[in-house]
C-alpha atoms as a PDB file:
ATOM      1  CA  MET A   1     136.717   7.917 111.387  1.00  0.00           C
ATOM      2  CA  ASP A   2     134.550  10.668 112.854  1.00  0.00           C
ATOM      3  CA  LYS A   3     130.803  10.166 112.886  1.00  0.00           C
ATOM      4  CA  LEU A   4     128.685  12.390 110.655  1.00  0.00           C
ATOM      5  CA  ASP A   5     124.934  12.695 110.963  1.00  0.00           C
ATOM      6  CA  LYS A   6     122.696  11.637 108.104  1.00  0.00           C
ATOM      7  CA  ASP A   7     121.975  15.191 106.931  1.00  0.00           C
ATOM      8  CA  SER A   8     125.687  15.982 106.755  1.00  0.00           C
ATOM      9  CA  VAL A   9     126.367  12.824 104.738  1.00  0.00           C
ATOM     10  CA  ILE A  10     123.521  13.709 102.370  1.00  0.00           C
ATOM     11  CA  GLY A  11     124.944  17.208 101.933  1.00  0.00           C
ATOM     12  CA  ILE A  12     128.471  15.991 101.299  1.00  0.00           C
ATOM     13  CA  THR A  13     127.083  13.388  98.908  1.00  0.00           C
ATOM     14  CA  ALA A  14     125.251  16.135  97.002  1.00  0.00           C
ATOM     15  CA  LEU A  15     128.546  17.998  96.669  1.00  0.00           C
ATOM     16  CA  LEU A  16     130.244  14.826  95.425  1.00  0.00           C
ATOM     17  CA  VAL A  17     127.462  14.369  92.867  1.00  0.00           C
ATOM     18  CA  HIS A  18     127.955  17.972  91.788  1.00  0.00           C
ATOM     19  CA  ALA A  19     131.697  17.436  91.376  1.00  0.00           C
ATOM     20  CA  ALA A  20     131.061  14.254  89.384  1.00  0.00           C
ATOM     21  CA  ASN A  21     128.674  16.151  87.093  1.00  0.00           C
ATOM     22  CA  ILE A  22     131.049  19.011  86.307  1.00  0.00           C
ATOM     23  CA  ASP A  23     132.366  17.276  83.189  1.00  0.00           C
ATOM     24  CA  GLU A  24     128.782  16.278  82.276  1.00  0.00           C
ATOM     25  CA  ILE A  25     129.749  12.582  82.471  1.00  0.00           C
ATOM     26  CA  TYR A  26     128.273  11.066  85.636  1.00  0.00           C
ATOM     27  CA  SER A  27     129.458   7.492  85.330  1.00  0.00           C
ATOM     28  CA  GLU A  28     128.476   4.340  87.193  1.00  0.00           C
ATOM     29  CA  HIS A  29     132.049   4.216  88.505  1.00  0.00           C
ATOM     30  CA  GLU A  30     131.604   7.662  90.050  1.00  0.00           C
ATOM     31  CA  LYS A  31     128.284   6.571  91.568  1.00  0.00           C
ATOM     32  CA  ASP A  32     129.948   3.477  93.018  1.00  0.00           C
ATOM     33  CA  LEU A  33     132.692   5.592  94.608  1.00  0.00           C
ATOM     34  CA  ILE A  34     130.099   7.910  96.117  1.00  0.00           C
ATOM     35  CA  LYS A  35     128.174   4.911  97.499  1.00  0.00           C
ATOM     36  CA  ILE A  36     131.382   3.701  99.168  1.00  0.00           C
ATOM     37  CA  PHE A  37     131.620   7.102 100.890  1.00  0.00           C
ATOM     38  CA  ILE A  38     128.000   6.838 102.040  1.00  0.00           C
ATOM     39  CA  LYS A  39     128.479   3.311 103.389  1.00  0.00           C
ATOM     40  CA  SER A  40     131.607   4.358 105.269  1.00  0.00           C
ATOM     41  CA  TYR A  41     129.580   6.841 107.343  1.00  0.00           C
ATOM     42  CA  LEU A  42     126.060   5.375 107.323  1.00  0.00           C
ATOM     43  CA  LYS A  43     126.524   1.633 107.543  1.00  0.00           C
ATOM     44  CA  ASP A  44     122.867   0.917 108.367  1.00  0.00           C
ATOM     45  CA  SER A  45     121.374   3.127 105.640  1.00  0.00           C
ATOM     46  CA  ASN A  46     120.397   2.352 102.082  1.00  0.00           C
ATOM     47  CA  GLU A  47     123.110   4.033 100.041  1.00  0.00           C
ATOM     48  CA  ASN A  48     120.916   4.077  96.911  1.00  0.00           C
ATOM     49  CA  GLN A  49     118.229   6.106  98.705  1.00  0.00           C
ATOM     50  CA  ILE A  50     120.828   8.495 100.105  1.00  0.00           C
ATOM     51  CA  LEU A  51     122.356   8.923  96.651  1.00  0.00           C
ATOM     52  CA  GLU A  52     118.952   9.589  95.072  1.00  0.00           C
ATOM     53  CA  LYS A  53     118.173  12.247  97.673  1.00  0.00           C
ATOM     54  CA  ALA A  54     121.579  13.839  97.128  1.00  0.00           C
ATOM     55  CA  GLU A  55     121.040  13.850  93.357  1.00  0.00           C
ATOM     56  CA  GLU A  56     117.758  15.728  93.880  1.00  0.00           C
ATOM     57  CA  ILE A  57     119.487  18.257  96.126  1.00  0.00           C
ATOM     58  CA  GLU A  58     122.269  18.686  93.566  1.00  0.00           C
ATOM     59  CA  LYS A  59     119.692  19.685  90.947  1.00  0.00           C
ATOM     60  CA  ASN A  60     118.625  22.584  93.172  1.00  0.00           C
ATOM     61  CA  SER A  61     121.621  24.889  93.487  1.00  0.00           C
ATOM     62  CA  ASN A  62     120.030  26.827  96.381  1.00  0.00           C
ATOM     63  CA  GLN A  63     119.905  23.685  98.533  1.00  0.00           C
ATOM     64  CA  LEU A  64     123.444  22.790  97.506  1.00  0.00           C
ATOM     65  CA  LEU A  65     124.678  26.194  98.661  1.00  0.00           C
ATOM     66  CA  ASN A  66     123.098  25.623 102.087  1.00  0.00           C
ATOM     67  CA  TYR A  67     125.088  22.395 102.459  1.00  0.00           C
ATOM     68  CA  THR A  68     128.363  24.026 101.443  1.00  0.00           C
ATOM     69  CA  ASN A  69     127.839  26.628 104.141  1.00  0.00           C
ATOM     70  CA  ILE A  70     127.121  23.977 106.788  1.00  0.00           C
ATOM     71  CA  ILE A  71     130.258  22.068 105.798  1.00  0.00           C
ATOM     72  CA  LYS A  72     132.376  25.222 105.908  1.00  0.00           C
ATOM     73  CA  GLU A  73     131.098  25.985 109.408  1.00  0.00           C
ATOM     74  CA  ASN A  74     132.065  22.537 110.660  1.00  0.00           C
END
C-alpha cells in the first residue's frame, strides 16, 4: 500500500464523507468504514479526530473542491 501524507488522507476522507452524505443518511456503518480507511494509511493517528476534521471540510464545498483537484493531480 502506498503511503499518503496526512493532508491527503484528510482530503480523501472528506470526499468519502461527502459520498456517504449524498443520500442524506450518514450512518455509523459508513463512519466505521471510513475510519478503517483512515487507519489503513495513518496507523499512528486518531481516526476520530481525522474524521471530525474531514467532516468540517466536507461542510465547506470550496475546501472540498481544493482536495478533489489535489487528488486529480496525483
